[in-house]
């Protein structure tokens, strides 16, 4: 598939499917690029950032990243997930 057409295809599918649409991507950078393009057709599309895993015990994760990750969970719009 042509990478430039992915966002349009996801937008068409999101219009056709009345439920929440989850999109998974093969790499870490792909969801970010897809979300940037998708907002041209579906401005309400949400992006779910990658989970932060810590290599060291007893250290708390970054609060801003955790808040950004949890924000889309209460909404009823399509969410993109890496």
PDB file of N, CA and C in Angstrom:
ATOM      1  N   UNK A   1       0.840  -1.177   0.000  1.00  0.00           N
ATOM      2  CA  UNK A   1       0.000   0.000   0.000  1.00  0.00           C
ATOM      3  C   UNK A   1       0.884   1.238   0.000  1.00  0.00           C
ATOM      4  N   UNK A   2       0.445   2.248  -0.707  1.00  0.00           N
ATOM      5  CA  UNK A   2       1.166   3.513  -0.755  1.00  0.00           C
ATOM      6  C   UNK A   2       1.044   4.179   0.611  1.00  0.00           C
ATOM      7  N   UNK A   3       2.168   4.515   1.261  1.00  0.00           N
ATOM      8  CA  UNK A   3       2.099   5.109   2.610  1.00  0.00           C
ATOM      9  C   UNK A   3       1.210   6.349   2.688  1.00  0.00           C
ATOM     10  N   UNK A   4       1.202   7.155   1.649  1.00  0.00           N
ATOM     11  CA  UNK A   4       0.390   8.378   1.671  1.00  0.00           C
ATOM     12  C   UNK A   4      -1.101   8.083   1.695  1.00  0.00           C
ATOM     13  N   UNK A   5      -1.510   6.908   1.257  1.00  0.00           N
ATOM     14  CA  UNK A   5      -2.933   6.560   1.204  1.00  0.00           C
ATOM     15  C   UNK A   5      -3.445   5.956   2.507  1.00  0.00           C
ATOM     16  N   UNK A   6      -2.569   5.620   3.405  1.00  0.00           N
ATOM     17  CA  UNK A   6      -2.990   4.953   4.645  1.00  0.00           C
ATOM     18  C   UNK A   6      -3.946   5.809   5.467  1.00  0.00           C
ATOM     19  N   UNK A   7      -3.607   7.084   5.643  1.00  0.00           N
ATOM     20  CA  UNK A   7      -4.460   7.957   6.457  1.00  0.00           C
ATOM     21  C   UNK A   7      -5.841   8.098   5.837  1.00  0.00           C
ATOM     22  N   UNK A   8      -5.895   8.241   4.517  1.00  0.00           N
ATOM     23  CA  UNK A   8      -7.186   8.355   3.847  1.00  0.00           C
ATOM     24  C   UNK A   8      -7.998   7.070   4.029  1.00  0.00           C
ATOM     25  N   UNK A   9      -7.361   5.929   3.886  1.00  0.00           N
ATOM     26  CA  UNK A   9      -8.049   4.654   4.054  1.00  0.00           C
ATOM     27  C   UNK A   9      -8.586   4.507   5.477  1.00  0.00           C
ATOM     28  N   UNK A  10      -7.794   4.877   6.468  1.00  0.00           N
ATOM     29  CA  UNK A  10      -8.257   4.809   7.862  1.00  0.00           C
ATOM     30  C   UNK A  10      -9.448   5.744   8.060  1.00  0.00           C
ATOM     31  N   UNK A  11      -9.405   6.935   7.467  1.00  0.00           N
ATOM     32  CA  UNK A  11     -10.521   7.877   7.584  1.00  0.00           C
ATOM     33  C   UNK A  11     -11.788   7.308   6.962  1.00  0.00           C
ATOM     34  N   UNK A  12     -11.664   6.672   5.812  1.00  0.00           N
ATOM     35  CA  UNK A  12     -12.829   6.062   5.152  1.00  0.00           C
ATOM     36  C   UNK A  12     -13.386   4.929   6.007  1.00  0.00           C
ATOM     37  N   UNK A  13     -12.509   4.109   6.553  1.00  0.00           N
ATOM     38  CA  UNK A  13     -12.964   3.012   7.416  1.00  0.00           C
ATOM     39  C   UNK A  13     -13.634   3.553   8.681  1.00  0.00           C
ATOM     40  N   UNK A  14     -13.073   4.610   9.250  1.00  0.00           N
ATOM     41  CA  UNK A  14     -13.660   5.197  10.461  1.00  0.00           C
ATOM     42  C   UNK A  14     -15.060   5.750  10.176  1.00  0.00           C
ATOM     43  N   UNK A  15     -15.265   6.292   8.980  1.00  0.00           N
ATOM     44  CA  UNK A  15     -16.602   6.773   8.608  1.00  0.00           C
ATOM     45  C   UNK A  15     -17.574   5.609   8.413  1.00  0.00           C
ATOM     46  N   UNK A  16     -17.085   4.488   7.917  1.00  0.00           N
ATOM     47  CA  UNK A  16     -17.941   3.347   7.621  1.00  0.00           C
ATOM     48  C   UNK A  16     -18.265   2.502   8.852  1.00  0.00           C
ATOM     49  N   UNK A  17     -17.398   2.548   9.856  1.00  0.00           N
ATOM     50  CA  UNK A  17     -17.584   1.729  11.056  1.00  0.00           C
ATOM     51  C   UNK A  17     -18.081   2.620  12.189  1.00  0.00           C
ATOM     52  N   UNK A  18     -19.264   2.342  12.739  1.00  0.00           N
ATOM     53  CA  UNK A  18     -19.830   3.216  13.762  1.00  0.00           C
ATOM     54  C   UNK A  18     -19.174   3.078  15.144  1.00  0.00           C
ATOM     55  N   UNK A  19     -18.308   2.106  15.313  1.00  0.00           N
ATOM     56  CA  UNK A  19     -17.664   1.893  16.613  1.00  0.00           C
ATOM     57  C   UNK A  19     -16.252   2.467  16.617  1.00  0.00           C
ATOM     58  N   UNK A  20     -15.600   2.396  17.758  1.00  0.00           N
ATOM     59  CA  UNK A  20     -14.224   2.861  17.877  1.00  0.00           C
ATOM     60  C   UNK A  20     -13.318   2.014  16.998  1.00  0.00           C
ATOM     61  N   UNK A  21     -12.442   2.659  16.284  1.00  0.00           N
ATOM     62  CA  UNK A  21     -11.519   1.972  15.388  1.00  0.00           C
ATOM     63  C   UNK A  21     -10.105   2.103  15.949  1.00  0.00           C
ATOM     64  N   UNK A  22      -9.485   0.978  16.229  1.00  0.00           N
ATOM     65  CA  UNK A  22      -8.103   0.947  16.718  1.00  0.00           C
ATOM     66  C   UNK A  22      -7.203   0.577  15.552  1.00  0.00           C
ATOM     67  N   UNK A  23      -6.129   1.314  15.376  1.00  0.00           N
ATOM     68  CA  UNK A  23      -5.189   1.061  14.290  1.00  0.00           C
ATOM     69  C   UNK A  23      -3.833   0.744  14.911  1.00  0.00           C
ATOM     70  N   UNK A  24      -3.251  -0.380  14.526  1.00  0.00           N
ATOM     71  CA  UNK A  24      -1.905  -0.721  14.996  1.00  0.00           C
ATOM     72  C   UNK A  24      -0.924  -0.527  13.848  1.00  0.00           C
ATOM     73  N   UNK A  25       0.301  -0.213  14.204  1.00  0.00           N
ATOM     74  CA  UNK A  25       1.335   0.069  13.198  1.00  0.00           C
ATOM     75  C   UNK A  25       2.579  -0.760  13.476  1.00  0.00           C
ATOM     76  N   UNK A  26       3.371  -1.035  12.429  1.00  0.00           N
ATOM     77  CA  UNK A  26       4.515  -1.932  12.576  1.00  0.00           C
ATOM     78  C   UNK A  26       5.744  -1.316  13.251  1.00  0.00           C
ATOM     79  N   UNK A  27       5.838   0.010  13.306  1.00  0.00           N
ATOM     80  CA  UNK A  27       7.019   0.615  13.916  1.00  0.00           C
ATOM     81  C   UNK A  27       6.612   1.757  14.840  1.00  0.00           C
ATOM     82  N   UNK A  28       7.563   2.301  15.552  1.00  0.00           N
ATOM     83  CA  UNK A  28       7.289   3.350  16.530  1.00  0.00           C
ATOM     84  C   UNK A  28       6.944   4.675  15.848  1.00  0.00           C
ATOM     85  N   UNK A  29       7.603   5.009  14.776  1.00  0.00           N
ATOM     86  CA  UNK A  29       7.406   6.295  14.101  1.00  0.00           C
ATOM     87  C   UNK A  29       6.145   6.304  13.215  1.00  0.00           C
ATOM     88  N   UNK A  30       5.731   5.174  12.712  1.00  0.00           N
ATOM     89  CA  UNK A  30       4.592   5.100  11.800  1.00  0.00           C
ATOM     90  C   UNK A  30       3.307   5.681  12.392  1.00  0.00           C
ATOM     91  N   UNK A  31       2.942   5.385  13.643  1.00  0.00           N
ATOM     92  CA  UNK A  31       1.684   5.935  14.173  1.00  0.00           C
ATOM     93  C   UNK A  31       1.683   7.461  14.241  1.00  0.00           C
ATOM     94  N   UNK A  32       2.834   8.037  14.553  1.00  0.00           N
ATOM     95  CA  UNK A  32       2.919   9.496  14.626  1.00  0.00           C
ATOM     96  C   UNK A  32       2.670  10.117  13.252  1.00  0.00           C
ATOM     97  N   UNK A  33       3.294   9.564  12.231  1.00  0.00           N
ATOM     98  CA  UNK A  33       3.112  10.064  10.870  1.00  0.00           C
ATOM     99  C   UNK A  33       1.680   9.846  10.396  1.00  0.00           C
ATOM    100  N   UNK A  34       1.124   8.685  10.703  1.00  0.00           N
ATOM    101  CA  UNK A  34      -0.245   8.381  10.314  1.00  0.00           C
ATOM    102  C   UNK A  34      -1.226   9.343  10.984  1.00  0.00           C
ATOM    103  N   UNK A  35      -1.023   9.602  12.257  1.00  0.00           N
ATOM    104  CA  UNK A  35      -1.916  10.503  12.980  1.00  0.00           C
ATOM    105  C   UNK A  35      -1.841  11.918  12.421  1.00  0.00           C
ATOM    106  N   UNK A  36      -0.647  12.378  12.094  1.00  0.00           N
ATOM    107  CA  UNK A  36      -0.498  13.719  11.516  1.00  0.00           C
ATOM    108  C   UNK A  36      -1.291  13.838  10.217  1.00  0.00           C
ATOM    109  N   UNK A  37      -1.234  12.821   9.373  1.00  0.00           N
ATOM    110  CA  UNK A  37      -1.970  12.844   8.113  1.00  0.00           C
ATOM    111  C   UNK A  37      -3.461  12.632   8.323  1.00  0.00           C
ATOM    112  N   UNK A  38      -3.810  11.771   9.258  1.00  0.00           N
ATOM    113  CA  UNK A  38      -5.208  11.449   9.506  1.00  0.00           C
ATOM    114  C   UNK A  38      -6.007  12.655   9.985  1.00  0.00           C
ATOM    115  N   UNK A  39      -5.384  13.547  10.711  1.00  0.00           N
ATOM    116  CA  UNK A  39      -6.109  14.707  11.226  1.00  0.00           C
ATOM    117  C   UNK A  39      -6.581  15.641  10.105  1.00  0.00           C
ATOM    118  N   UNK A  40      -6.082  15.463   8.895  1.00  0.00           N
ATOM    119  CA  UNK A  40      -6.604  16.230   7.759  1.00  0.00           C
ATOM    120  C   UNK A  40      -8.038  15.815   7.429  1.00  0.00           C
ATOM    121  N   UNK A  41      -8.358  14.537   7.601  1.00  0.00           N
ATOM    122  CA  UNK A  41      -9.690  14.020   7.287  1.00  0.00           C
ATOM    123  C   UNK A  41     -10.542  13.810   8.522  1.00  0.00           C
ATOM    124  N   UNK A  42      -9.897  13.465   9.614  1.00  0.00           N
ATOM    125  CA  UNK A  42     -10.615  13.208  10.867  1.00  0.00           C
ATOM    126  C   UNK A  42      -9.944  13.986  11.994  1.00  0.00           C
ATOM    127  N   UNK A  43     -10.240  15.292  12.147  1.00  0.00           N
ATOM    128  CA  UNK A  43      -9.565  16.105  13.167  1.00  0.00           C
ATOM    129  C   UNK A  43      -9.772  15.592  14.589  1.00  0.00           C
ATOM    130  N   UNK A  44     -10.838  14.822  14.809  1.00  0.00           N
ATOM    131  CA  UNK A  44     -11.117  14.321  16.154  1.00  0.00           C
ATOM    132  C   UNK A  44     -10.359  13.026  16.474  1.00  0.00           C
ATOM    133  N   UNK A  45      -9.582  12.507  15.537  1.00  0.00           N
ATOM    134  CA  UNK A  45      -8.824  11.267  15.767  1.00  0.00           C
ATOM    135  C   UNK A  45      -7.827  11.473  16.902  1.00  0.00           C
ATOM    136  N   UNK A  46      -7.714  10.485  17.730  1.00  0.00           N
ATOM    137  CA  UNK A  46      -6.827  10.563  18.891  1.00  0.00           C
ATOM    138  C   UNK A  46      -5.615   9.675  18.695  1.00  0.00           C
ATOM    139  N   UNK A  47      -4.555  10.017  19.387  1.00  0.00           N
ATOM    140  CA  UNK A  47      -3.300   9.276  19.302  1.00  0.00           C
ATOM    141  C   UNK A  47      -2.959   8.749  20.686  1.00  0.00           C
ATOM    142  N   UNK A  48      -2.693   7.475  20.781  1.00  0.00           N
ATOM    143  CA  UNK A  48      -2.317   6.854  22.045  1.00  0.00           C
ATOM    144  C   UNK A  48      -0.815   6.607  22.013  1.00  0.00           C
ATOM    145  N   UNK A  49      -0.043   7.410  22.754  1.00  0.00           N
ATOM    146  CA  UNK A  49       1.412   7.251  22.728  1.00  0.00           C
ATOM    147  C   UNK A  49       1.862   5.896  23.268  1.00  0.00           C
ATOM    148  N   UNK A  50       3.064   5.539  22.919  1.00  0.00           N
ATOM    149  CA  UNK A  50       3.632   4.275  23.374  1.00  0.00           C
ATOM    150  C   UNK A  50       3.789   4.281  24.892  1.00  0.00           C
ATOM    151  N   UNK A  51       3.555   3.133  25.520  1.00  0.00           N
ATOM    152  CA  UNK A  51       3.705   3.022  26.971  1.00  0.00           C
ATOM    153  C   UNK A  51       5.168   3.200  27.350  1.00  0.00           C
ATOM    154  N   UNK A  52       5.367   3.835  28.489  1.00  0.00           N
ATOM    155  CA  UNK A  52       6.723   4.064  28.972  1.00  0.00           C
ATOM    156  C   UNK A  52       7.083   2.957  29.970  1.00  0.00           C
ATOM    157  N   UNK A  53       8.127   2.213  29.658  1.00  0.00           N
ATOM    158  CA  UNK A  53       8.583   1.158  30.547  1.00  0.00           C
ATOM    159  C   UNK A  53       9.925   1.564  31.140  1.00  0.00           C
ATOM    160  N   UNK A  54      10.028   1.479  32.442  1.00  0.00           N
ATOM    161  CA  UNK A  54      11.255   1.899  33.116  1.00  0.00           C
ATOM    162  C   UNK A  54      12.176   0.711  33.338  1.00  0.00           C
ATOM    163  N   UNK A  55      13.454   0.948  33.151  1.00  0.00           N
ATOM    164  CA  UNK A  55      14.452  -0.105  33.338  1.00  0.00           C
ATOM    165  C   UNK A  55      14.943  -0.141  34.778  1.00  0.00           C
ATOM    166  N   UNK A  56      14.616   0.871  35.550  1.00  0.00           N
ATOM    167  CA  UNK A  56      15.099   0.970  36.928  1.00  0.00           C
ATOM    168  C   UNK A  56      13.897   0.952  37.866  1.00  0.00           C
ATOM    169  N   UNK A  57      14.003   0.196  38.923  1.00  0.00           N
ATOM    170  CA  UNK A  57      12.917   0.132  39.900  1.00  0.00           C
ATOM    171  C   UNK A  57      12.914   1.374  40.774  1.00  0.00           C
ATOM    172  N   UNK A  58      11.762   1.631  41.406  1.00  0.00           N
ATOM    173  CA  UNK A  58      11.574   2.737  42.341  1.00  0.00           C
ATOM    174  C   UNK A  58      11.728   4.113  41.708  1.00  0.00           C
ATOM    175  N   UNK A  59      11.523   4.222  40.412  1.00  0.00           N
ATOM    176  CA  UNK A  59      11.525   5.520  39.745  1.00  0.00           C
ATOM    177  C   UNK A  59      10.178   5.661  39.051  1.00  0.00           C
ATOM    178  N   UNK A  60       9.517   6.778  39.296  1.00  0.00           N
ATOM    179  CA  UNK A  60       8.194   7.005  38.714  1.00  0.00           C
ATOM    180  C   UNK A  60       8.313   7.448  37.260  1.00  0.00           C
ATOM    181  N   UNK A  61       7.358   7.049  36.420  1.00  0.00           N
ATOM    182  CA  UNK A  61       7.370   7.489  35.021  1.00  0.00           C
ATOM    183  C   UNK A  61       7.056   8.987  34.937  1.00  0.00           C
ATOM    184  N   UNK A  62       7.396   9.590  33.827  1.00  0.00           N
ATOM    185  CA  UNK A  62       7.143  11.007  33.596  1.00  0.00           C
ATOM    186  C   UNK A  62       5.637  11.261  33.645  1.00  0.00           C
ATOM    187  N   UNK A  63       5.198  12.215  34.465  1.00  0.00           N
ATOM    188  CA  UNK A  63       3.774  12.468  34.661  1.00  0.00           C
ATOM    189  C   UNK A  63       3.110  13.022  33.408  1.00  0.00           C
ATOM    190  N   UNK A  64       3.814  13.840  32.635  1.00  0.00           N
ATOM    191  CA  UNK A  64       3.223  14.401  31.415  1.00  0.00           C
ATOM    192  C   UNK A  64       2.961  13.311  30.379  1.00  0.00           C
ATOM    193  N   UNK A  65       3.906  12.382  30.238  1.00  0.00           N
ATOM    194  CA  UNK A  65       3.726  11.284  29.284  1.00  0.00           C
ATOM    195  C   UNK A  65       2.580  10.388  29.732  1.00  0.00           C
ATOM    196  N   UNK A  66       2.501  10.105  31.035  1.00  0.00           N
ATOM    197  CA  UNK A  66       1.420   9.268  31.551  1.00  0.00           C
ATOM    198  C   UNK A  66       0.066   9.939  31.334  1.00  0.00           C
ATOM    199  N   UNK A  67      -0.023  11.241  31.562  1.00  0.00           N
ATOM    200  CA  UNK A  67      -1.282  11.968  31.368  1.00  0.00           C
ATOM    201  C   UNK A  67      -1.676  11.982  29.897  1.00  0.00           C
ATOM    202  N   UNK A  68      -0.706  12.168  29.005  1.00  0.00           N
ATOM    203  CA  UNK A  68      -0.981  12.163  27.577  1.00  0.00           C
ATOM    204  C   UNK A  68      -1.487  10.799  27.132  1.00  0.00           C
ATOM    205  N   UNK A  69      -0.931   9.757  27.704  1.00  0.00           N
ATOM    206  CA  UNK A  69      -1.331   8.404  27.334  1.00  0.00           C
ATOM    207  C   UNK A  69      -2.737   8.067  27.831  1.00  0.00           C
ATOM    208  N   UNK A  70      -3.099   8.565  29.002  1.00  0.00           N
ATOM    209  CA  UNK A  70      -4.399   8.235  29.586  1.00  0.00           C
ATOM    210  C   UNK A  70      -5.531   9.119  29.073  1.00  0.00           C
ATOM    211  N   UNK A  71      -5.248  10.280  28.521  1.00  0.00           N
ATOM    212  CA  UNK A  71      -6.274  11.232  28.094  1.00  0.00           C
ATOM    213  C   UNK A  71      -7.294  10.637  27.125  1.00  0.00           C
ATOM    214  N   UNK A  72      -6.898   9.905  26.089  1.00  0.00           N
ATOM    215  CA  UNK A  72      -7.895   9.402  25.125  1.00  0.00           C
ATOM    216  C   UNK A  72      -8.808   8.305  25.648  1.00  0.00           C
ATOM    217  N   UNK A  73      -8.503   7.709  26.760  1.00  0.00           N
ATOM    218  CA  UNK A  73      -9.267   6.538  27.206  1.00  0.00           C
ATOM    219  C   UNK A  73     -10.722   6.829  27.515  1.00  0.00           C
ATOM    220  N   UNK A  74     -11.043   8.045  27.934  1.00  0.00           N
ATOM    221  CA  UNK A  74     -12.418   8.362  28.276  1.00  0.00           C
ATOM    222  C   UNK A  74     -13.236   8.880  27.109  1.00  0.00           C
ATOM    223  N   UNK A  75     -12.641   9.049  25.950  1.00  0.00           N
ATOM    224  CA  UNK A  75     -13.335   9.619  24.805  1.00  0.00           C
ATOM    225  C   UNK A  75     -13.877   8.512  23.894  1.00  0.00           C
ATOM    226  N   UNK A  76     -14.865   8.856  23.104  1.00  0.00           N
ATOM    227  CA  UNK A  76     -15.487   7.888  22.192  1.00  0.00           C
ATOM    228  C   UNK A  76     -15.216   8.263  20.750  1.00  0.00           C
ATOM    229  N   UNK A  77     -13.949   8.350  20.401  1.00  0.00           N
ATOM    230  CA  UNK A  77     -13.528   8.658  19.042  1.00  0.00           C
ATOM    231  C   UNK A  77     -12.477   7.629  18.630  1.00  0.00           C
ATOM    232  N   UNK A  78     -12.196   7.522  17.343  1.00  0.00           N
ATOM    233  CA  UNK A  78     -11.150   6.587  16.915  1.00  0.00           C
ATOM    234  C   UNK A  78      -9.811   6.929  17.567  1.00  0.00           C
ATOM    235  N   UNK A  79      -9.109   5.914  17.960  1.00  0.00           N
ATOM    236  CA  UNK A  79      -7.831   6.095  18.627  1.00  0.00           C
ATOM    237  C   UNK A  79      -6.761   5.360  17.844  1.00  0.00           C
ATOM    238  N   UNK A  80      -5.630   5.994  17.640  1.00  0.00           N
ATOM    239  CA  UNK A  80      -4.499   5.337  16.977  1.00  0.00           C
ATOM    240  C   UNK A  80      -3.553   4.832  18.047  1.00  0.00           C
ATOM    241  N   UNK A  81      -3.064   3.651  17.847  1.00  0.00           N
ATOM    242  CA  UNK A  81      -2.178   3.040  18.841  1.00  0.00           C
ATOM    243  C   UNK A  81      -0.963   2.467  18.117  1.00  0.00           C
ATOM    244  N   UNK A  82       0.213   2.745  18.690  1.00  0.00           N
ATOM    245  CA  UNK A  82       1.419   2.172  18.056  1.00  0.00           C
ATOM    246  C   UNK A  82       1.485   0.672  18.202  1.00  0.00           C
TER     247      UNK A  82
END
